[in-house]
């Protein structure tokens, strides 16, 4: 069965076909430190925000073995760009990567994410293309929505690295909230991660926001490093914790 409507006998009209879903990223990431006294206002009350922040902009190809034909019959449905913010938090004695804001430019990705608990919105997203035959001095990613900028990341690569700081945050913690249906769940997304190349260097973050996107709390106190990376992500487990 597909994940969402529209439902037809063949199942081919569903916005989100049946999974499991896998994702291949080319991404620009920034590890920064924020102000926990401000971050506490953008996480659930029972969750304690720490100072670590992770920002990324990514060019993504998604794939399901139950919807193989879409990748060659309608590739634009499953290829998209994404921008997101993660905060390292503590909850019930464990460390997690909590996602308070995420933006995509695809309706398939939007609804697929909302089903799991990712707080997705539609935005316009741009980033420097990765290519082995062409190297840039700096790589940038930006997102904007409703006429205002959301974030701009710039990374100047310097050396290869073996891992990302995001890995140390823990599994991903999501709040799936749909008031009319009385849905308010804390969801744990357990990723299965396989990296290609990781390059670290200097990075900068410029945050914006607007009337419908309150991003002030995420303003970095210190930017630690920037990263370019390629990664394949699968879902090892998705479970409701509370």
C-alpha atoms as a PDB file:
ATOM      1  CA  UNK A   1       0.000   0.000   0.000  1.00  0.00           C
ATOM      2  CA  UNK A   2       1.211   3.549  -0.695  1.00  0.00           C
ATOM      3  CA  UNK A   3       1.989   5.863   2.197  1.00  0.00           C
ATOM      4  CA  UNK A   4      -0.556   8.546   1.293  1.00  0.00           C
ATOM      5  CA  UNK A   5      -3.521   9.365  -0.941  1.00  0.00           C
ATOM      6  CA  UNK A   6      -4.745   9.782  -3.662  1.00  0.00           C
ATOM      7  CA  UNK A   7      -5.691   6.091  -3.590  1.00  0.00           C
ATOM      8  CA  UNK A   8      -6.413   4.191  -6.804  1.00  0.00           C
ATOM      9  CA  UNK A   9      -6.528   0.434  -7.551  1.00  0.00           C
ATOM     10  CA  UNK A  10      -3.014   0.492  -9.021  1.00  0.00           C
ATOM     11  CA  UNK A  11      -1.564   2.722  -6.286  1.00  0.00           C
ATOM     12  CA  UNK A  12       0.346   4.746  -8.883  1.00  0.00           C
ATOM     13  CA  UNK A  13      -1.430   8.038  -8.167  1.00  0.00           C
ATOM     14  CA  UNK A  14      -0.370   8.243  -4.513  1.00  0.00           C
ATOM     15  CA  UNK A  15       1.691  11.308  -3.713  1.00  0.00           C
ATOM     16  CA  UNK A  16       4.054   9.163  -1.611  1.00  0.00           C
ATOM     17  CA  UNK A  17       4.451   5.592  -2.895  1.00  0.00           C
ATOM     18  CA  UNK A  18       5.260   2.680  -0.626  1.00  0.00           C
ATOM     19  CA  UNK A  19       8.724   2.587   0.993  1.00  0.00           C
ATOM     20  CA  UNK A  20      11.240   1.812   2.316  1.00  0.00           C
ATOM     21  CA  UNK A  21      12.845   5.076   1.219  1.00  0.00           C
ATOM     22  CA  UNK A  22      16.541   5.751   0.734  1.00  0.00           C
ATOM     23  CA  UNK A  23      18.223   9.122   0.174  1.00  0.00           C
ATOM     24  CA  UNK A  24      21.501  10.116  -1.465  1.00  0.00           C
ATOM     25  CA  UNK A  25      22.784  13.583  -0.513  1.00  0.00           C
ATOM     26  CA  UNK A  26      25.393  15.974  -1.823  1.00  0.00           C
ATOM     27  CA  UNK A  27      25.420  18.460   1.037  1.00  0.00           C
ATOM     28  CA  UNK A  28      26.968  21.597   2.464  1.00  0.00           C
ATOM     29  CA  UNK A  29      26.972  21.544   6.266  1.00  0.00           C
ATOM     30  CA  UNK A  30      27.962  23.875   9.086  1.00  0.00           C
ATOM     31  CA  UNK A  31      28.708  22.935  12.705  1.00  0.00           C
ATOM     32  CA  UNK A  32      28.136  25.867  15.053  1.00  0.00           C
ATOM     33  CA  UNK A  33      27.411  26.699  18.664  1.00  0.00           C
ATOM     34  CA  UNK A  34      24.277  28.536  19.702  1.00  0.00           C
ATOM     35  CA  UNK A  35      22.868  30.083  22.855  1.00  0.00           C
ATOM     36  CA  UNK A  36      21.007  27.427  24.925  1.00  0.00           C
ATOM     37  CA  UNK A  37      19.005  30.144  26.700  1.00  0.00           C
ATOM     38  CA  UNK A  38      17.447  31.011  23.313  1.00  0.00           C
ATOM     39  CA  UNK A  39      17.320  27.466  21.935  1.00  0.00           C
ATOM     40  CA  UNK A  40      15.176  26.305  24.853  1.00  0.00           C
ATOM     41  CA  UNK A  41      12.258  28.195  23.301  1.00  0.00           C
ATOM     42  CA  UNK A  42      12.368  26.170  20.049  1.00  0.00           C
ATOM     43  CA  UNK A  43      12.421  22.656  21.524  1.00  0.00           C
ATOM     44  CA  UNK A  44       9.619  20.862  23.429  1.00  0.00           C
ATOM     45  CA  UNK A  45       9.331  21.807  27.099  1.00  0.00           C
ATOM     46  CA  UNK A  46      10.614  18.495  28.437  1.00  0.00           C
ATOM     47  CA  UNK A  47      13.635  18.541  26.094  1.00  0.00           C
ATOM     48  CA  UNK A  48      16.881  20.272  27.113  1.00  0.00           C
ATOM     49  CA  UNK A  49      18.710  22.136  24.352  1.00  0.00           C
ATOM     50  CA  UNK A  50      22.494  22.014  24.282  1.00  0.00           C
ATOM     51  CA  UNK A  51      24.701  24.442  22.379  1.00  0.00           C
ATOM     52  CA  UNK A  52      25.551  22.395  19.260  1.00  0.00           C
ATOM     53  CA  UNK A  53      23.823  23.327  15.999  1.00  0.00           C
ATOM     54  CA  UNK A  54      23.973  21.704  12.576  1.00  0.00           C
ATOM     55  CA  UNK A  55      22.845  23.495   9.405  1.00  0.00           C
ATOM     56  CA  UNK A  56      22.791  21.943   5.947  1.00  0.00           C
ATOM     57  CA  UNK A  57      21.659  22.489   2.384  1.00  0.00           C
ATOM     58  CA  UNK A  58      21.496  19.368   0.224  1.00  0.00           C
ATOM     59  CA  UNK A  59      20.814  18.141  -3.299  1.00  0.00           C
ATOM     60  CA  UNK A  60      18.960  14.828  -2.851  1.00  0.00           C
ATOM     61  CA  UNK A  61      17.911  11.804  -4.879  1.00  0.00           C
ATOM     62  CA  UNK A  62      15.326   9.579  -3.143  1.00  0.00           C
ATOM     63  CA  UNK A  63      14.571   5.980  -4.057  1.00  0.00           C
ATOM     64  CA  UNK A  64      12.141   3.224  -3.091  1.00  0.00           C
ATOM     65  CA  UNK A  65      12.406  -0.342  -4.409  1.00  0.00           C
ATOM     66  CA  UNK A  66       8.597  -0.269  -4.581  1.00  0.00           C
ATOM     67  CA  UNK A  67       8.584   2.727  -6.936  1.00  0.00           C
ATOM     68  CA  UNK A  68      11.613   2.057  -9.138  1.00  0.00           C
ATOM     69  CA  UNK A  69       9.959   3.300 -12.307  1.00  0.00           C
ATOM     70  CA  UNK A  70       9.577   6.845 -10.985  1.00  0.00           C
ATOM     71  CA  UNK A  71      13.351   7.391 -11.063  1.00  0.00           C
ATOM     72  CA  UNK A  72      13.383   7.037 -14.849  1.00  0.00           C
ATOM     73  CA  UNK A  73       9.776   7.791 -15.867  1.00  0.00           C
ATOM     74  CA  UNK A  74       9.409  10.933 -13.718  1.00  0.00           C
ATOM     75  CA  UNK A  75      12.792  11.656 -12.066  1.00  0.00           C
ATOM     76  CA  UNK A  76      11.770  15.172 -11.062  1.00  0.00           C
ATOM     77  CA  UNK A  77       9.303  13.729  -8.535  1.00  0.00           C
ATOM     78  CA  UNK A  78      12.039  12.097  -6.468  1.00  0.00           C
ATOM     79  CA  UNK A  79      14.921  14.559  -6.896  1.00  0.00           C
ATOM     80  CA  UNK A  80      14.812  17.680  -4.747  1.00  0.00           C
ATOM     81  CA  UNK A  81      16.721  20.084  -2.530  1.00  0.00           C
ATOM     82  CA  UNK A  82      16.496  20.496   1.205  1.00  0.00           C
ATOM     83  CA  UNK A  83      17.686  22.892   3.926  1.00  0.00           C
ATOM     84  CA  UNK A  84      17.475  22.104   7.630  1.00  0.00           C
ATOM     85  CA  UNK A  85      18.506  22.953  11.176  1.00  0.00           C
ATOM     86  CA  UNK A  86      19.301  20.420  13.901  1.00  0.00           C
ATOM     87  CA  UNK A  87      19.869  21.132  17.594  1.00  0.00           C
ATOM     88  CA  UNK A  88      21.641  18.744  19.924  1.00  0.00           C
ATOM     89  CA  UNK A  89      19.322  18.003  22.838  1.00  0.00           C
ATOM     90  CA  UNK A  90      18.981  15.758  25.892  1.00  0.00           C
ATOM     91  CA  UNK A  91      15.747  13.919  26.576  1.00  0.00           C
ATOM     92  CA  UNK A  92      15.107  11.116  29.060  1.00  0.00           C
ATOM     93  CA  UNK A  93      18.793  10.518  29.624  1.00  0.00           C
ATOM     94  CA  UNK A  94      19.798  10.324  25.957  1.00  0.00           C
ATOM     95  CA  UNK A  95      21.316  12.683  23.416  1.00  0.00           C
ATOM     96  CA  UNK A  96      19.429  13.386  20.181  1.00  0.00           C
ATOM     97  CA  UNK A  97      19.531  15.557  17.075  1.00  0.00           C
ATOM     98  CA  UNK A  98      16.256  17.497  17.248  1.00  0.00           C
ATOM     99  CA  UNK A  99      14.925  19.032  14.034  1.00  0.00           C
ATOM    100  CA  UNK A 100      12.852  22.215  14.554  1.00  0.00           C
ATOM    101  CA  UNK A 101      12.856  23.512  10.938  1.00  0.00           C
ATOM    102  CA  UNK A 102      13.258  21.860   7.539  1.00  0.00           C
ATOM    103  CA  UNK A 103      12.604  23.171   4.025  1.00  0.00           C
ATOM    104  CA  UNK A 104      12.203  21.355   0.700  1.00  0.00           C
ATOM    105  CA  UNK A 105      11.192  22.217  -2.868  1.00  0.00           C
ATOM    106  CA  UNK A 106       9.116  19.089  -3.584  1.00  0.00           C
ATOM    107  CA  UNK A 107       5.571  18.142  -2.583  1.00  0.00           C
ATOM    108  CA  UNK A 108       6.516  14.445  -2.422  1.00  0.00           C
ATOM    109  CA  UNK A 109       9.287  15.182   0.061  1.00  0.00           C
ATOM    110  CA  UNK A 110       7.088  17.614   1.992  1.00  0.00           C
ATOM    111  CA  UNK A 111       4.294  15.123   2.696  1.00  0.00           C
ATOM    112  CA  UNK A 112       6.621  12.137   3.138  1.00  0.00           C
ATOM    113  CA  UNK A 113       8.453  14.114   5.819  1.00  0.00           C
ATOM    114  CA  UNK A 114       5.325  15.344   7.595  1.00  0.00           C
ATOM    115  CA  UNK A 115       4.121  11.735   7.917  1.00  0.00           C
ATOM    116  CA  UNK A 116       7.284  10.912   9.884  1.00  0.00           C
ATOM    117  CA  UNK A 117       7.370  14.146  11.896  1.00  0.00           C
ATOM    118  CA  UNK A 118       9.858  16.301   9.992  1.00  0.00           C
ATOM    119  CA  UNK A 119       8.694  19.962  10.200  1.00  0.00           C
ATOM    120  CA  UNK A 120       8.872  20.632   6.465  1.00  0.00           C
ATOM    121  CA  UNK A 121       7.824  23.675   4.469  1.00  0.00           C
ATOM    122  CA  UNK A 122       8.159  24.516   0.775  1.00  0.00           C
ATOM    123  CA  UNK A 123      10.988  26.932  -0.056  1.00  0.00           C
ATOM    124  CA  UNK A 124      13.266  27.857  -2.937  1.00  0.00           C
ATOM    125  CA  UNK A 125      16.688  26.271  -2.408  1.00  0.00           C
ATOM    126  CA  UNK A 126      19.948  26.699  -4.331  1.00  0.00           C
ATOM    127  CA  UNK A 127      23.412  25.217  -3.872  1.00  0.00           C
ATOM    128  CA  UNK A 128      26.719  24.899  -5.666  1.00  0.00           C
ATOM    129  CA  UNK A 129      26.839  21.690  -7.710  1.00  0.00           C
ATOM    130  CA  UNK A 130      29.424  19.056  -6.823  1.00  0.00           C
ATOM    131  CA  UNK A 131      31.419  17.623  -9.730  1.00  0.00           C
ATOM    132  CA  UNK A 132      34.686  15.658  -9.782  1.00  0.00           C
ATOM    133  CA  UNK A 133      35.864  17.488 -12.912  1.00  0.00           C
ATOM    134  CA  UNK A 134      35.242  20.972 -11.575  1.00  0.00           C
ATOM    135  CA  UNK A 135      36.406  22.343  -8.229  1.00  0.00           C
ATOM    136  CA  UNK A 136      35.190  25.566  -6.661  1.00  0.00           C
ATOM    137  CA  UNK A 137      37.116  27.638  -4.161  1.00  0.00           C
ATOM    138  CA  UNK A 138      33.965  28.021  -2.064  1.00  0.00           C
ATOM    139  CA  UNK A 139      30.639  26.218  -2.020  1.00  0.00           C
ATOM    140  CA  UNK A 140      27.368  27.854  -1.078  1.00  0.00           C
ATOM    141  CA  UNK A 141      23.809  26.893  -0.269  1.00  0.00           C
ATOM    142  CA  UNK A 142      20.845  29.146   0.384  1.00  0.00           C
ATOM    143  CA  UNK A 143      17.123  28.951   1.009  1.00  0.00           C
ATOM    144  CA  UNK A 144      14.431  31.599   0.818  1.00  0.00           C
ATOM    145  CA  UNK A 145      10.662  31.670   1.133  1.00  0.00           C
ATOM    146  CA  UNK A 146       7.826  34.203   0.817  1.00  0.00           C
ATOM    147  CA  UNK A 147      10.235  36.879  -0.374  1.00  0.00           C
ATOM    148  CA  UNK A 148      12.726  36.641   2.508  1.00  0.00           C
ATOM    149  CA  UNK A 149      15.961  34.732   3.033  1.00  0.00           C
ATOM    150  CA  UNK A 150      16.066  31.808   5.451  1.00  0.00           C
ATOM    151  CA  UNK A 151      19.714  30.792   5.532  1.00  0.00           C
ATOM    152  CA  UNK A 152      22.913  31.066   3.565  1.00  0.00           C
ATOM    153  CA  UNK A 153      25.839  28.682   4.126  1.00  0.00           C
ATOM    154  CA  UNK A 154      29.306  29.038   2.610  1.00  0.00           C
ATOM    155  CA  UNK A 155      32.117  26.496   2.983  1.00  0.00           C
ATOM    156  CA  UNK A 156      35.740  26.784   1.900  1.00  0.00           C
ATOM    157  CA  UNK A 157      37.054  23.178   1.796  1.00  0.00           C
ATOM    158  CA  UNK A 158      40.530  22.450   3.152  1.00  0.00           C
ATOM    159  CA  UNK A 159      41.097  18.787   4.083  1.00  0.00           C
ATOM    160  CA  UNK A 160      39.437  15.383   4.143  1.00  0.00           C
ATOM    161  CA  UNK A 161      37.643  14.245   7.289  1.00  0.00           C
ATOM    162  CA  UNK A 162      36.351  10.895   8.530  1.00  0.00           C
ATOM    163  CA  UNK A 163      33.057  11.835  10.177  1.00  0.00           C
ATOM    164  CA  UNK A 164      30.526  14.602  10.741  1.00  0.00           C
ATOM    165  CA  UNK A 165      29.802  16.266  14.087  1.00  0.00           C
ATOM    166  CA  UNK A 166      26.102  15.532  13.501  1.00  0.00           C
ATOM    167  CA  UNK A 167      26.841  11.834  14.092  1.00  0.00           C
ATOM    168  CA  UNK A 168      27.704  12.655  17.704  1.00  0.00           C
ATOM    169  CA  UNK A 169      24.337  14.306  18.360  1.00  0.00           C
ATOM    170  CA  UNK A 170      22.520  10.947  18.428  1.00  0.00           C
ATOM    171  CA  UNK A 171      19.470   9.603  16.606  1.00  0.00           C
ATOM    172  CA  UNK A 172      17.044  12.152  15.208  1.00  0.00           C
ATOM    173  CA  UNK A 173      14.209  13.345  17.437  1.00  0.00           C
ATOM    174  CA  UNK A 174      11.059  14.697  15.768  1.00  0.00           C
ATOM    175  CA  UNK A 175       7.807  16.143  17.046  1.00  0.00           C
ATOM    176  CA  UNK A 176       4.887  15.035  14.873  1.00  0.00           C
ATOM    177  CA  UNK A 177       2.149  17.556  15.586  1.00  0.00           C
ATOM    178  CA  UNK A 178      -1.286  17.754  13.880  1.00  0.00           C
ATOM    179  CA  UNK A 179      -3.730  19.569  16.149  1.00  0.00           C
ATOM    180  CA  UNK A 180      -7.075  18.779  14.399  1.00  0.00           C
ATOM    181  CA  UNK A 181      -6.347  15.040  14.690  1.00  0.00           C
ATOM    182  CA  UNK A 182      -5.010  15.286  18.266  1.00  0.00           C
ATOM    183  CA  UNK A 183      -1.626  14.000  17.103  1.00  0.00           C
ATOM    184  CA  UNK A 184       1.327  15.091  19.239  1.00  0.00           C
ATOM    185  CA  UNK A 185       4.047  12.432  19.154  1.00  0.00           C
ATOM    186  CA  UNK A 186       7.744  12.368  19.934  1.00  0.00           C
ATOM    187  CA  UNK A 187       9.243  10.259  17.164  1.00  0.00           C
ATOM    188  CA  UNK A 188      12.728   8.734  16.944  1.00  0.00           C
ATOM    189  CA  UNK A 189      14.236   8.373  13.482  1.00  0.00           C
ATOM    190  CA  UNK A 190      17.140   5.917  13.548  1.00  0.00           C
ATOM    191  CA  UNK A 191      19.226   6.565  10.412  1.00  0.00           C
ATOM    192  CA  UNK A 192      21.408   4.087   8.581  1.00  0.00           C
ATOM    193  CA  UNK A 193      24.301   6.134   7.217  1.00  0.00           C
ATOM    194  CA  UNK A 194      26.939   5.421   4.573  1.00  0.00           C
ATOM    195  CA  UNK A 195      29.358   8.236   3.679  1.00  0.00           C
ATOM    196  CA  UNK A 196      31.145   8.933   0.467  1.00  0.00           C
ATOM    197  CA  UNK A 197      33.692  11.728   0.693  1.00  0.00           C
ATOM    198  CA  UNK A 198      33.785  14.217   3.600  1.00  0.00           C
ATOM    199  CA  UNK A 199      35.818  17.422   3.364  1.00  0.00           C
ATOM    200  CA  UNK A 200      36.068  19.976   6.156  1.00  0.00           C
ATOM    201  CA  UNK A 201      37.131  23.588   6.149  1.00  0.00           C
ATOM    202  CA  UNK A 202      36.050  27.064   7.075  1.00  0.00           C
ATOM    203  CA  UNK A 203      32.371  27.950   7.081  1.00  0.00           C
ATOM    204  CA  UNK A 204      30.009  30.863   7.517  1.00  0.00           C
ATOM    205  CA  UNK A 205      26.284  31.034   8.295  1.00  0.00           C
ATOM    206  CA  UNK A 206      23.910  33.896   7.654  1.00  0.00           C
ATOM    207  CA  UNK A 207      20.382  33.469   8.986  1.00  0.00           C
ATOM    208  CA  UNK A 208      17.288  35.368   7.969  1.00  0.00           C
ATOM    209  CA  UNK A 209      13.659  34.563   8.561  1.00  0.00           C
ATOM    210  CA  UNK A 210      10.370  36.381   8.380  1.00  0.00           C
ATOM    211  CA  UNK A 211       6.771  36.583   9.545  1.00  0.00           C
ATOM    212  CA  UNK A 212       6.190  32.821   9.149  1.00  0.00           C
ATOM    213  CA  UNK A 213       9.725  31.606   9.915  1.00  0.00           C
ATOM    214  CA  UNK A 214      11.126  32.639  13.302  1.00  0.00           C
ATOM    215  CA  UNK A 215      14.797  31.691  13.113  1.00  0.00           C
ATOM    216  CA  UNK A 216      16.347  34.228  15.509  1.00  0.00           C
ATOM    217  CA  UNK A 217      17.017  31.629  18.220  1.00  0.00           C
ATOM    218  CA  UNK A 218      19.412  29.732  15.933  1.00  0.00           C
ATOM    219  CA  UNK A 219      21.836  32.620  15.389  1.00  0.00           C
ATOM    220  CA  UNK A 220      25.277  31.072  15.990  1.00  0.00           C
ATOM    221  CA  UNK A 221      27.476  32.290  18.824  1.00  0.00           C
ATOM    222  CA  UNK A 222      30.428  30.604  17.117  1.00  0.00           C
ATOM    223  CA  UNK A 223      30.894  28.815  13.787  1.00  0.00           C
ATOM    224  CA  UNK A 224      33.221  25.840  14.258  1.00  0.00           C
ATOM    225  CA  UNK A 225      33.700  24.213  10.843  1.00  0.00           C
ATOM    226  CA  UNK A 226      32.147  23.793   7.447  1.00  0.00           C
ATOM    227  CA  UNK A 227      31.737  20.505   5.592  1.00  0.00           C
ATOM    228  CA  UNK A 228      31.127  19.174   2.100  1.00  0.00           C
ATOM    229  CA  UNK A 229      29.891  15.603   2.093  1.00  0.00           C
ATOM    230  CA  UNK A 230      28.107  12.899   0.158  1.00  0.00           C
ATOM    231  CA  UNK A 231      25.989  10.407   2.067  1.00  0.00           C
ATOM    232  CA  UNK A 232      23.407   7.651   1.629  1.00  0.00           C
ATOM    233  CA  UNK A 233      20.722   7.503   4.330  1.00  0.00           C
ATOM    234  CA  UNK A 234      18.211   4.766   5.004  1.00  0.00           C
ATOM    235  CA  UNK A 235      15.686   4.286   7.791  1.00  0.00           C
ATOM    236  CA  UNK A 236      16.779   1.602  10.229  1.00  0.00           C
ATOM    237  CA  UNK A 237      13.803   2.289  12.487  1.00  0.00           C
ATOM    238  CA  UNK A 238      11.061   4.873  12.958  1.00  0.00           C
ATOM    239  CA  UNK A 239       9.223   4.669  16.267  1.00  0.00           C
ATOM    240  CA  UNK A 240       6.928   6.711  18.484  1.00  0.00           C
ATOM    241  CA  UNK A 241       8.577   7.280  21.881  1.00  0.00           C
ATOM    242  CA  UNK A 242       5.820   9.250  23.616  1.00  0.00           C
END
